[in-house]
Amino acid sequence: MKENPTIQTMLDHKSIRKYTSKMPPDEVIKTIVRTGQQAPFAYQCYSILLSRNQKSHPYKAPLLFTICLDPHKFERIMARRGWKLVLNDLGLLVLGVQDASLMVENMITTARSLGLGSCLLGHAPYIADKIAEKYHLPQRVFPIVQLVMGYPAENPPPRPRYPLEFTLFEDKYPMLDEKTISKAMQQMDEGYLAQDYYSKLKAKIPLEGGREETYTYTDYSWIEHICRKLGQWDPDPKDLLKQFEKRGFFLAGKKQG
């Protein structure tokens, strides 16, 4: 692979869960957000909420960013030109998630280059009503993801990833044979076990539905962890859809009034 400082910054990425109490200065915060704005796609269908209330943040991180899907601003701008937003909310969500994701990646990379660490928090959509109340969000603004950030008080290794041949498929999607799948599973599991990742966090997900527990922290790793998430959690989208509807988004096509 090629190497340069930008590539190394991205390859060295890791989630940080321990932070110093040092608050990043305004100049650093503005730089992080401004580079986030310059991400590709440029719908800019997002807004960023910032909290510096370190004591209340996950992992006691100095900064907590909440990145929101925000067609509210679009609708205000379009009204000035005599337009009304007619794009369906599902399409709007897809575009907004793409937009916000690219912007967040720029923020994370910039922060790393300035000596900060961060950790993404994916639960924001499930507590959108509580976030909306806290930040006084108008209708049609929906929290997509949260990001804690600050100066690291730990230096964990980068987390493992799938082999490249399990990720990059040229010209057509391949027939995945058992050998290829097994290699990908092995690389992920052995990589996380070598770091004692789940044992350090005590992060084993309990089994549901009467399944017998056969794993200990000596063999519980990424594949089992992800299988338990995707194989047990949220089979019905009604709770998440309810959060969207509370914020004025109707993903099945039903519109207010």
Protein backbone atom coordinates (compact mmCIF):
# COMPACT_ATOMS: atom_id res chain seq x y z
CA MET A 1 0.00 0.00 0.00
CA LYS A 2 0.98 3.62 -0.51
CA GLU A 3 1.86 5.72 2.52
CA ASN A 4 1.60 9.38 3.41
CA PRO A 5 0.50 11.29 6.55
CA THR A 6 -3.16 11.45 5.50
CA ILE A 7 -3.34 7.70 4.83
CA GLN A 8 -1.59 6.93 8.12
CA THR A 9 -4.00 9.16 10.05
CA MET A 10 -6.94 7.22 8.63
CA LEU A 11 -5.38 3.77 9.10
CA ASP A 12 -4.51 4.61 12.71
CA HIS A 13 -8.12 5.43 13.59
CA LYS A 14 -9.48 3.87 16.75
CA SER A 15 -12.43 4.61 19.05
CA ILE A 16 -11.39 6.43 22.21
CA ARG A 17 -13.32 5.88 25.45
CA LYS A 18 -10.97 7.58 27.92
CA TYR A 19 -10.24 11.31 27.73
CA THR A 20 -8.24 13.95 29.55
CA SER A 21 -10.15 16.88 31.05
CA LYS A 22 -8.49 19.36 28.66
CA MET A 23 -11.08 21.27 26.63
CA PRO A 24 -10.18 21.76 22.94
CA PRO A 25 -9.98 25.48 22.09
CA ASP A 26 -12.54 27.19 19.89
CA GLU A 27 -10.09 27.35 16.98
CA VAL A 28 -9.76 23.55 16.98
CA ILE A 29 -13.52 23.00 17.21
CA LYS A 30 -14.22 25.41 14.37
CA THR A 31 -11.54 23.76 12.22
CA ILE A 32 -13.07 20.31 12.81
CA VAL A 33 -16.57 21.45 11.88
CA ARG A 34 -15.42 23.54 8.92
CA THR A 35 -13.57 20.60 7.35
CA GLY A 36 -16.68 18.52 7.99
CA GLN A 37 -18.68 21.01 5.94
CA GLN A 38 -16.31 20.57 3.02
CA ALA A 39 -17.12 16.86 2.62
CA PRO A 40 -18.43 15.64 -0.76
CA PHE A 41 -22.11 15.52 -1.67
CA ALA A 42 -22.92 19.04 -0.48
CA TYR A 43 -26.69 18.84 0.09
CA GLN A 44 -25.76 20.07 3.56
CA CYS A 45 -28.98 18.54 4.84
CA TYR A 46 -27.62 18.43 8.37
CA SER A 47 -27.05 20.54 11.46
CA ILE A 48 -24.54 19.93 14.23
CA LEU A 49 -25.35 20.38 17.91
CA LEU A 50 -22.45 20.89 20.33
CA SER A 51 -22.30 20.36 24.08
CA ARG A 52 -19.25 21.11 26.27
CA ASN A 53 -20.89 19.82 29.45
CA GLN A 54 -18.19 17.23 30.01
CA LYS A 55 -19.60 15.70 33.20
CA SER A 56 -22.80 14.65 31.43
CA HIS A 57 -21.15 13.18 28.32
CA PRO A 58 -20.48 9.50 27.61
CA TYR A 59 -16.92 8.60 28.70
CA LYS A 60 -16.70 12.12 30.23
CA ALA A 61 -15.50 13.38 26.86
CA PRO A 62 -15.03 17.17 26.64
CA LEU A 63 -17.10 17.52 23.47
CA LEU A 64 -20.34 15.93 22.36
CA PHE A 65 -21.51 16.56 18.80
CA THR A 66 -24.99 15.50 17.69
CA ILE A 67 -25.35 15.35 13.91
CA CYS A 68 -28.92 15.82 12.74
CA LEU A 69 -30.83 15.36 9.52
CA ASP A 70 -32.21 18.86 8.98
CA PRO A 71 -34.66 19.55 6.15
CA HIS A 72 -36.16 22.26 8.38
CA LYS A 73 -33.51 24.64 7.06
CA PHE A 74 -34.16 23.47 3.49
CA GLU A 75 -37.86 24.16 3.86
CA ARG A 76 -37.22 27.66 5.19
CA ILE A 77 -34.88 28.42 2.28
CA MET A 78 -37.21 26.91 -0.35
CA ALA A 79 -40.12 28.95 0.98
CA ARG A 80 -38.14 32.11 0.27
CA ARG A 81 -38.07 31.08 -3.41
CA GLY A 82 -41.71 29.97 -3.54
CA TRP A 83 -40.96 26.23 -3.43
CA LYS A 84 -42.34 23.47 -1.25
CA LEU A 85 -40.38 20.31 -0.36
CA VAL A 86 -42.08 17.32 -2.02
CA LEU A 87 -39.29 14.72 -1.86
CA ASN A 88 -40.58 11.80 0.20
CA ASP A 89 -39.16 11.45 3.68
CA LEU A 90 -37.52 8.07 3.01
CA GLY A 91 -35.59 9.53 0.07
CA LEU A 92 -34.74 12.55 2.20
CA LEU A 93 -33.42 10.26 4.94
CA VAL A 94 -31.21 8.34 2.49
CA LEU A 95 -29.70 11.53 1.10
CA GLY A 96 -29.34 13.05 4.55
CA VAL A 97 -27.59 10.01 6.02
CA GLN A 98 -25.13 10.00 3.12
CA ASP A 99 -24.50 13.70 3.61
CA ALA A 100 -24.08 13.50 7.38
CA SER A 101 -21.88 10.37 7.24
CA LEU A 102 -19.40 11.98 4.88
CA MET A 103 -19.31 15.10 7.01
CA VAL A 104 -18.70 13.12 10.22
CA GLU A 105 -15.83 11.18 8.62
CA ASN A 106 -14.14 14.47 7.73
CA MET A 107 -14.57 15.66 11.33
CA ILE A 108 -13.06 12.46 12.74
CA THR A 109 -10.07 12.55 10.39
CA THR A 110 -9.40 16.23 11.09
CA ALA A 111 -9.61 15.65 14.83
CA ARG A 112 -7.11 12.79 14.58
CA SER A 113 -4.69 15.01 12.65
CA LEU A 114 -4.92 17.59 15.46
CA GLY A 115 -4.20 15.08 18.22
CA LEU A 116 -7.79 14.42 19.32
CA GLY A 117 -9.66 11.14 19.55
CA SER A 118 -13.34 10.36 19.16
CA CYS A 119 -16.02 7.70 19.41
CA LEU A 120 -19.25 7.43 17.43
CA LEU A 121 -22.50 6.73 19.30
CA GLY A 122 -25.13 5.11 17.10
CA HIS A 123 -28.07 5.09 19.53
CA ALA A 124 -29.17 8.68 18.85
CA PRO A 125 -32.17 7.82 16.58
CA TYR A 126 -33.67 5.66 19.33
CA ILE A 127 -33.67 8.54 21.82
CA ALA A 128 -34.47 11.29 19.33
CA ASP A 129 -37.33 12.62 21.45
CA LYS A 130 -35.06 13.10 24.48
CA ILE A 131 -32.36 14.78 22.37
CA ALA A 132 -34.99 17.02 20.76
CA GLU A 133 -36.22 18.12 24.18
CA LYS A 134 -32.72 18.80 25.45
CA TYR A 135 -31.70 20.93 22.46
CA HIS A 136 -35.12 22.48 21.72
CA LEU A 137 -35.19 21.05 18.21
CA PRO A 138 -37.93 22.21 15.85
CA GLN A 139 -39.94 19.66 13.90
CA ARG A 140 -38.19 18.13 10.88
CA VAL A 141 -34.81 17.96 12.65
CA PHE A 142 -33.77 14.39 13.53
CA PRO A 143 -30.63 13.18 15.39
CA ILE A 144 -28.73 10.69 13.20
CA VAL A 145 -25.57 10.01 15.21
CA GLN A 146 -23.56 11.42 18.10
CA LEU A 147 -19.80 11.86 18.33
CA VAL A 148 -17.78 12.34 21.51
CA MET A 149 -14.37 13.92 21.15
CA GLY A 150 -11.39 15.14 23.13
CA TYR A 151 -7.73 14.54 23.90
CA PRO A 152 -7.13 10.80 24.45
CA ALA A 153 -6.14 9.36 27.81
CA GLU A 154 -5.55 5.95 26.20
CA ASN A 155 -3.88 4.64 23.07
CA PRO A 156 -5.55 1.40 21.97
CA PRO A 157 -4.51 -0.27 18.71
CA PRO A 158 -6.65 0.14 15.58
CA ARG A 159 -9.46 -2.40 15.40
CA PRO A 160 -9.30 -5.30 12.91
CA ARG A 161 -11.12 -5.19 9.59
CA TYR A 162 -12.17 -7.80 7.04
CA PRO A 163 -9.57 -8.96 4.49
CA LEU A 164 -9.61 -6.73 1.43
CA GLU A 165 -10.77 -9.61 -0.79
CA PHE A 166 -13.91 -9.90 1.38
CA THR A 167 -14.66 -6.21 0.82
CA LEU A 168 -13.50 -5.20 -2.68
CA PHE A 169 -15.26 -7.03 -5.52
CA GLU A 170 -14.24 -6.05 -9.05
CA ASP A 171 -16.68 -6.26 -12.00
CA LYS A 172 -19.20 -8.52 -10.23
CA TYR A 173 -20.23 -9.76 -6.80
CA PRO A 174 -18.63 -13.17 -6.28
CA MET A 175 -20.07 -16.45 -5.09
CA LEU A 176 -18.75 -16.44 -1.53
CA ASP A 177 -17.31 -19.88 -0.81
CA GLU A 178 -16.87 -21.30 2.68
CA LYS A 179 -13.10 -20.78 2.64
CA THR A 180 -13.45 -17.06 1.93
CA ILE A 181 -16.11 -16.61 4.61
CA SER A 182 -14.09 -18.59 7.16
CA LYS A 183 -10.97 -16.51 6.49
CA ALA A 184 -12.90 -13.28 7.03
CA MET A 185 -14.43 -14.58 10.28
CA GLN A 186 -11.07 -15.81 11.52
CA GLN A 187 -9.31 -12.52 10.79
CA MET A 188 -11.91 -10.53 12.71
CA ASP A 189 -12.12 -12.89 15.68
CA GLU A 190 -8.39 -13.46 16.10
CA GLY A 191 -7.69 -9.74 15.78
CA TYR A 192 -10.13 -8.77 18.52
CA LEU A 193 -9.09 -11.66 20.79
CA ALA A 194 -5.44 -10.61 20.47
CA GLN A 195 -6.44 -7.21 21.84
CA ASP A 196 -8.62 -8.67 24.66
CA TYR A 197 -11.19 -6.19 23.39
CA TYR A 198 -14.43 -7.62 24.77
CA SER A 199 -12.93 -8.99 27.98
CA LYS A 200 -11.53 -5.55 28.86
CA LEU A 201 -14.90 -3.91 28.21
CA LYS A 202 -16.92 -6.76 29.77
CA ALA A 203 -19.11 -6.31 26.72
CA LYS A 204 -20.62 -9.76 26.13
CA ILE A 205 -24.25 -9.44 24.97
CA PRO A 206 -26.63 -11.75 26.88
CA LEU A 207 -28.37 -14.44 24.85
CA GLU A 208 -32.14 -14.33 24.45
CA GLY A 209 -34.78 -16.87 23.48
CA GLY A 210 -33.47 -19.74 25.58
CA ARG A 211 -30.15 -20.11 23.75
CA GLU A 212 -27.49 -21.78 25.86
CA GLU A 213 -24.39 -19.71 26.59
CA THR A 214 -21.29 -21.55 25.37
CA TYR A 215 -18.85 -18.63 25.02
CA THR A 216 -16.45 -17.20 27.57
CA TYR A 217 -14.20 -14.17 27.13
CA THR A 218 -11.48 -16.53 25.91
CA ASP A 219 -13.40 -17.16 22.66
CA TYR A 220 -16.15 -14.50 22.56
CA SER A 221 -15.18 -12.09 19.80
CA TRP A 222 -16.44 -9.78 17.06
CA ILE A 223 -18.37 -12.30 14.95
CA GLU A 224 -20.39 -13.60 17.90
CA HIS A 225 -20.92 -10.05 19.18
CA ILE A 226 -22.31 -8.80 15.87
CA CYS A 227 -24.40 -11.96 15.39
CA ARG A 228 -26.04 -11.38 18.76
CA LYS A 229 -26.81 -7.77 17.89
CA LEU A 230 -28.26 -8.47 14.44
CA GLY A 231 -29.85 -11.76 15.48
CA GLN A 232 -31.68 -10.51 18.58
CA TRP A 233 -32.29 -6.76 18.55
CA ASP A 234 -35.09 -4.68 17.04
CA PRO A 235 -36.89 -7.13 14.74
CA ASP A 236 -39.82 -4.68 14.51
CA PRO A 237 -39.09 -1.11 13.34
CA LYS A 238 -42.17 0.37 15.04
CA ASP A 239 -40.27 2.04 17.92
CA LEU A 240 -37.79 3.69 15.57
CA LEU A 241 -40.55 4.73 13.15
CA LYS A 242 -42.38 6.28 16.09
CA GLN A 243 -39.31 8.39 16.86
CA PHE A 244 -39.27 9.65 13.28
CA GLU A 245 -43.00 10.44 13.35
CA LYS A 246 -42.60 12.42 16.58
CA ARG A 247 -40.08 14.59 14.74
CA GLY A 248 -42.33 15.05 11.69
CA PHE A 249 -40.93 12.37 9.36
CA PHE A 250 -43.24 9.78 7.75
CA LEU A 251 -41.09 7.19 6.04
CA ALA A 252 -43.98 5.11 4.71
CA GLY A 253 -45.31 8.06 2.73
CA LYS A 254 -47.98 9.35 5.09
CA LYS A 255 -47.76 13.10 5.48
CA GLN A 256 -49.27 15.39 8.07
CA GLY A 257 -52.36 17.41 7.13
